N, C-alpha and C. Protein backbone atom coordinates (compact mmCIF):
# COMPACT_ATOMS: atom_id res chain seq x y z
N MET A 1 78.10 96.19 125.08
CA MET A 1 78.86 96.19 123.84
C MET A 1 77.97 96.72 122.73
N ARG A 2 78.52 97.56 121.89
CA ARG A 2 77.78 98.13 120.75
C ARG A 2 77.99 97.22 119.53
N ILE A 3 76.89 96.72 118.98
CA ILE A 3 76.95 95.68 117.95
C ILE A 3 76.20 96.09 116.69
N ILE A 4 76.77 95.72 115.55
CA ILE A 4 76.06 95.75 114.27
C ILE A 4 75.73 94.29 113.98
N PHE A 5 74.46 94.01 113.73
CA PHE A 5 74.03 92.64 113.42
C PHE A 5 73.77 92.53 111.94
N MET A 6 74.28 91.46 111.33
CA MET A 6 74.10 91.24 109.90
C MET A 6 73.53 89.85 109.68
N GLY A 7 72.33 89.80 109.11
CA GLY A 7 71.70 88.51 108.85
C GLY A 7 70.40 88.70 108.11
N THR A 8 69.85 87.61 107.59
CA THR A 8 68.60 87.67 106.83
C THR A 8 67.64 86.53 107.17
N PRO A 9 68.10 85.27 107.20
CA PRO A 9 67.16 84.15 107.30
C PRO A 9 66.58 83.93 108.70
N ASP A 10 65.59 83.03 108.73
CA ASP A 10 64.92 82.67 109.99
C ASP A 10 65.90 82.28 111.09
N PHE A 11 66.91 81.48 110.74
CA PHE A 11 67.81 80.98 111.78
C PHE A 11 68.66 82.06 112.42
N ALA A 12 68.71 83.25 111.84
CA ALA A 12 69.48 84.35 112.41
C ALA A 12 68.69 85.11 113.49
N VAL A 13 67.38 84.97 113.48
CA VAL A 13 66.53 85.70 114.43
C VAL A 13 66.85 85.38 115.88
N PRO A 14 67.00 84.09 116.27
CA PRO A 14 67.33 83.81 117.68
C PRO A 14 68.65 84.45 118.13
N ALA A 15 69.61 84.56 117.24
CA ALA A 15 70.88 85.19 117.60
C ALA A 15 70.67 86.67 117.88
N LEU A 16 69.88 87.33 117.05
CA LEU A 16 69.57 88.74 117.26
C LEU A 16 68.82 88.93 118.58
N GLN A 17 67.86 88.07 118.83
CA GLN A 17 67.09 88.15 120.08
C GLN A 17 67.99 87.95 121.29
N ALA A 18 68.90 86.98 121.21
CA ALA A 18 69.79 86.69 122.34
C ALA A 18 70.71 87.87 122.64
N LEU A 19 71.21 88.52 121.61
CA LEU A 19 72.07 89.69 121.82
C LEU A 19 71.29 90.82 122.48
N ALA A 20 70.08 91.04 122.02
CA ALA A 20 69.25 92.10 122.60
C ALA A 20 68.89 91.77 124.05
N GLU A 21 68.52 90.52 124.31
CA GLU A 21 68.13 90.11 125.67
C GLU A 21 69.31 90.15 126.63
N ALA A 22 70.51 89.97 126.12
CA ALA A 22 71.71 90.02 126.95
C ALA A 22 72.09 91.45 127.32
N GLY A 23 71.36 92.42 126.78
CA GLY A 23 71.59 93.81 127.13
C GLY A 23 72.58 94.54 126.25
N HIS A 24 72.99 93.92 125.16
CA HIS A 24 73.90 94.59 124.23
C HIS A 24 73.15 95.66 123.46
N GLU A 25 73.86 96.71 123.09
CA GLU A 25 73.28 97.77 122.28
C GLU A 25 73.40 97.38 120.81
N ILE A 26 72.28 97.15 120.16
CA ILE A 26 72.29 96.83 118.74
C ILE A 26 72.19 98.16 118.00
N ALA A 27 73.30 98.60 117.44
CA ALA A 27 73.37 99.91 116.78
C ALA A 27 72.56 99.92 115.49
N CYS A 28 72.59 98.80 114.77
CA CYS A 28 71.93 98.73 113.47
C CYS A 28 71.89 97.27 113.02
N VAL A 29 70.92 96.96 112.19
CA VAL A 29 70.82 95.64 111.58
C VAL A 29 70.95 95.82 110.08
N TYR A 30 71.82 95.02 109.48
CA TYR A 30 71.96 94.97 108.03
C TYR A 30 71.35 93.66 107.56
N THR A 31 70.47 93.75 106.57
CA THR A 31 69.81 92.57 106.04
C THR A 31 69.54 92.77 104.55
N GLN A 32 69.17 91.71 103.87
CA GLN A 32 68.85 91.79 102.45
C GLN A 32 67.60 92.65 102.25
N PRO A 33 67.51 93.33 101.12
CA PRO A 33 66.31 94.12 100.83
C PRO A 33 65.07 93.22 100.73
N PRO A 34 63.89 93.78 100.96
CA PRO A 34 62.65 92.99 100.80
C PRO A 34 62.59 92.36 99.41
N ARG A 35 62.04 91.15 99.38
CA ARG A 35 61.95 90.39 98.12
C ARG A 35 60.48 90.13 97.78
N PRO A 36 60.17 90.01 96.48
CA PRO A 36 58.81 89.66 96.09
C PRO A 36 58.48 88.23 96.55
N ALA A 37 57.28 88.06 97.09
CA ALA A 37 56.87 86.74 97.55
C ALA A 37 55.36 86.59 97.41
N GLY A 38 54.92 85.36 97.35
CA GLY A 38 53.49 85.06 97.27
C GLY A 38 52.92 85.29 95.89
N ARG A 39 51.62 85.08 95.80
CA ARG A 39 50.94 85.21 94.51
C ARG A 39 51.03 86.60 93.93
N GLY A 40 50.86 87.59 94.75
CA GLY A 40 50.88 88.96 94.26
C GLY A 40 52.28 89.53 94.13
N LYS A 41 53.28 88.72 94.47
CA LYS A 41 54.68 89.16 94.42
C LYS A 41 54.89 90.45 95.22
N LYS A 42 54.20 90.52 96.36
CA LYS A 42 54.34 91.67 97.24
C LYS A 42 55.72 91.63 97.90
N LEU A 43 56.34 92.80 98.07
CA LEU A 43 57.65 92.85 98.71
C LEU A 43 57.51 92.47 100.18
N MET A 44 58.29 91.48 100.59
CA MET A 44 58.25 90.98 101.97
C MET A 44 59.61 91.20 102.63
N PRO A 45 59.61 91.77 103.84
CA PRO A 45 60.88 91.95 104.55
C PRO A 45 61.42 90.62 105.04
N SER A 46 62.72 90.58 105.29
CA SER A 46 63.34 89.35 105.79
C SER A 46 62.89 89.12 107.24
N PRO A 47 63.01 87.87 107.72
CA PRO A 47 62.68 87.59 109.12
C PRO A 47 63.49 88.45 110.09
N VAL A 48 64.75 88.70 109.76
CA VAL A 48 65.60 89.53 110.63
C VAL A 48 65.10 90.97 110.64
N GLN A 49 64.67 91.48 109.50
CA GLN A 49 64.14 92.84 109.45
C GLN A 49 62.89 92.96 110.31
N VAL A 50 62.01 91.99 110.23
CA VAL A 50 60.78 92.01 111.02
C VAL A 50 61.11 92.06 112.51
N GLU A 51 62.06 91.24 112.94
CA GLU A 51 62.44 91.21 114.36
C GLU A 51 63.14 92.50 114.78
N ALA A 52 64.01 93.01 113.94
CA ALA A 52 64.71 94.27 114.26
C ALA A 52 63.71 95.40 114.43
N GLU A 53 62.73 95.47 113.55
CA GLU A 53 61.71 96.51 113.67
C GLU A 53 60.90 96.33 114.95
N ARG A 54 60.61 95.09 115.31
CA ARG A 54 59.89 94.82 116.56
C ARG A 54 60.70 95.30 117.76
N LEU A 55 62.03 95.14 117.68
CA LEU A 55 62.92 95.56 118.76
C LEU A 55 63.22 97.06 118.72
N GLY A 56 62.80 97.73 117.66
CA GLY A 56 63.07 99.16 117.53
C GLY A 56 64.48 99.49 117.10
N VAL A 57 65.11 98.56 116.39
CA VAL A 57 66.49 98.74 115.94
C VAL A 57 66.48 99.24 114.48
N PRO A 58 67.30 100.23 114.15
CA PRO A 58 67.37 100.70 112.76
C PRO A 58 67.82 99.58 111.82
N VAL A 59 67.24 99.57 110.63
CA VAL A 59 67.54 98.53 109.63
C VAL A 59 68.06 99.19 108.37
N ARG A 60 69.10 98.61 107.82
CA ARG A 60 69.65 99.05 106.53
C ARG A 60 69.68 97.84 105.59
N SER A 61 69.36 98.09 104.34
CA SER A 61 69.34 97.02 103.33
C SER A 61 70.05 97.46 102.06
N PRO A 62 71.33 97.76 102.15
CA PRO A 62 72.04 98.18 100.93
C PRO A 62 72.25 96.99 99.99
N LYS A 63 72.36 97.29 98.72
CA LYS A 63 72.66 96.23 97.75
C LYS A 63 74.08 95.72 97.93
N SER A 64 74.97 96.60 98.41
CA SER A 64 76.37 96.25 98.60
C SER A 64 76.97 97.13 99.69
N LEU A 65 78.01 96.63 100.32
CA LEU A 65 78.75 97.42 101.31
C LEU A 65 80.07 97.92 100.73
N ARG A 66 80.26 97.77 99.44
CA ARG A 66 81.53 98.11 98.81
C ARG A 66 81.70 99.60 98.51
N GLY A 67 80.61 100.33 98.42
CA GLY A 67 80.69 101.75 98.08
C GLY A 67 81.25 102.57 99.23
N GLU A 68 81.90 103.66 98.88
CA GLU A 68 82.50 104.54 99.89
C GLU A 68 81.47 105.09 100.86
N ALA A 69 80.33 105.50 100.34
CA ALA A 69 79.30 106.09 101.20
C ALA A 69 78.79 105.06 102.21
N GLU A 70 78.55 103.85 101.74
CA GLU A 70 78.04 102.81 102.65
C GLU A 70 79.10 102.42 103.68
N GLN A 71 80.36 102.37 103.28
CA GLN A 71 81.42 102.06 104.23
C GLN A 71 81.55 103.16 105.28
N ALA A 72 81.37 104.41 104.87
CA ALA A 72 81.45 105.53 105.81
C ALA A 72 80.29 105.46 106.81
N GLU A 73 79.09 105.12 106.34
CA GLU A 73 77.93 104.98 107.23
C GLU A 73 78.16 103.84 108.22
N PHE A 74 78.73 102.74 107.73
CA PHE A 74 79.01 101.59 108.59
C PHE A 74 80.01 102.00 109.68
N ALA A 75 81.08 102.68 109.29
CA ALA A 75 82.10 103.11 110.25
C ALA A 75 81.55 104.12 111.24
N ALA A 76 80.64 104.98 110.78
CA ALA A 76 80.06 106.01 111.65
C ALA A 76 79.24 105.41 112.78
N LEU A 77 78.83 104.17 112.66
CA LEU A 77 78.06 103.52 113.73
C LEU A 77 78.94 103.25 114.95
N GLU A 78 80.25 103.28 114.77
CA GLU A 78 81.23 103.10 115.84
C GLU A 78 80.93 101.87 116.71
N ALA A 79 80.68 100.76 116.05
CA ALA A 79 80.38 99.51 116.76
C ALA A 79 81.67 98.87 117.28
N ASP A 80 81.53 98.13 118.35
CA ASP A 80 82.66 97.36 118.89
C ASP A 80 82.88 96.10 118.06
N VAL A 81 81.79 95.57 117.51
CA VAL A 81 81.88 94.30 116.77
C VAL A 81 80.68 94.20 115.82
N ALA A 82 80.87 93.43 114.76
CA ALA A 82 79.76 93.08 113.86
C ALA A 82 79.55 91.58 113.98
N VAL A 83 78.31 91.20 114.18
CA VAL A 83 77.95 89.78 114.28
C VAL A 83 77.24 89.40 113.01
N VAL A 84 77.71 88.33 112.35
CA VAL A 84 77.12 87.87 111.10
C VAL A 84 76.50 86.51 111.31
N ALA A 85 75.21 86.41 110.95
CA ALA A 85 74.50 85.13 110.96
C ALA A 85 73.85 84.99 109.60
N ALA A 86 74.55 84.32 108.69
CA ALA A 86 74.08 84.24 107.32
C ALA A 86 74.07 82.82 106.80
């Protein structure tokens, strides 16, 4: 099954891992953009982004999915389903 995964927090990582381990094709991961963290306020990727990159899955971090261009990119992925863990 071709899947778009949408999530950001730590608890979403096991779901992403389970889908990948089950042999599903993860077409893309959508997650929140990196946020400033720590003393230096360095931009830090979300836990889901870190795992997606480890798995070699493309990551997108749009501010919104409401724009026409972003909706067209989402549709172009031709996924069977989108899984949301938020």
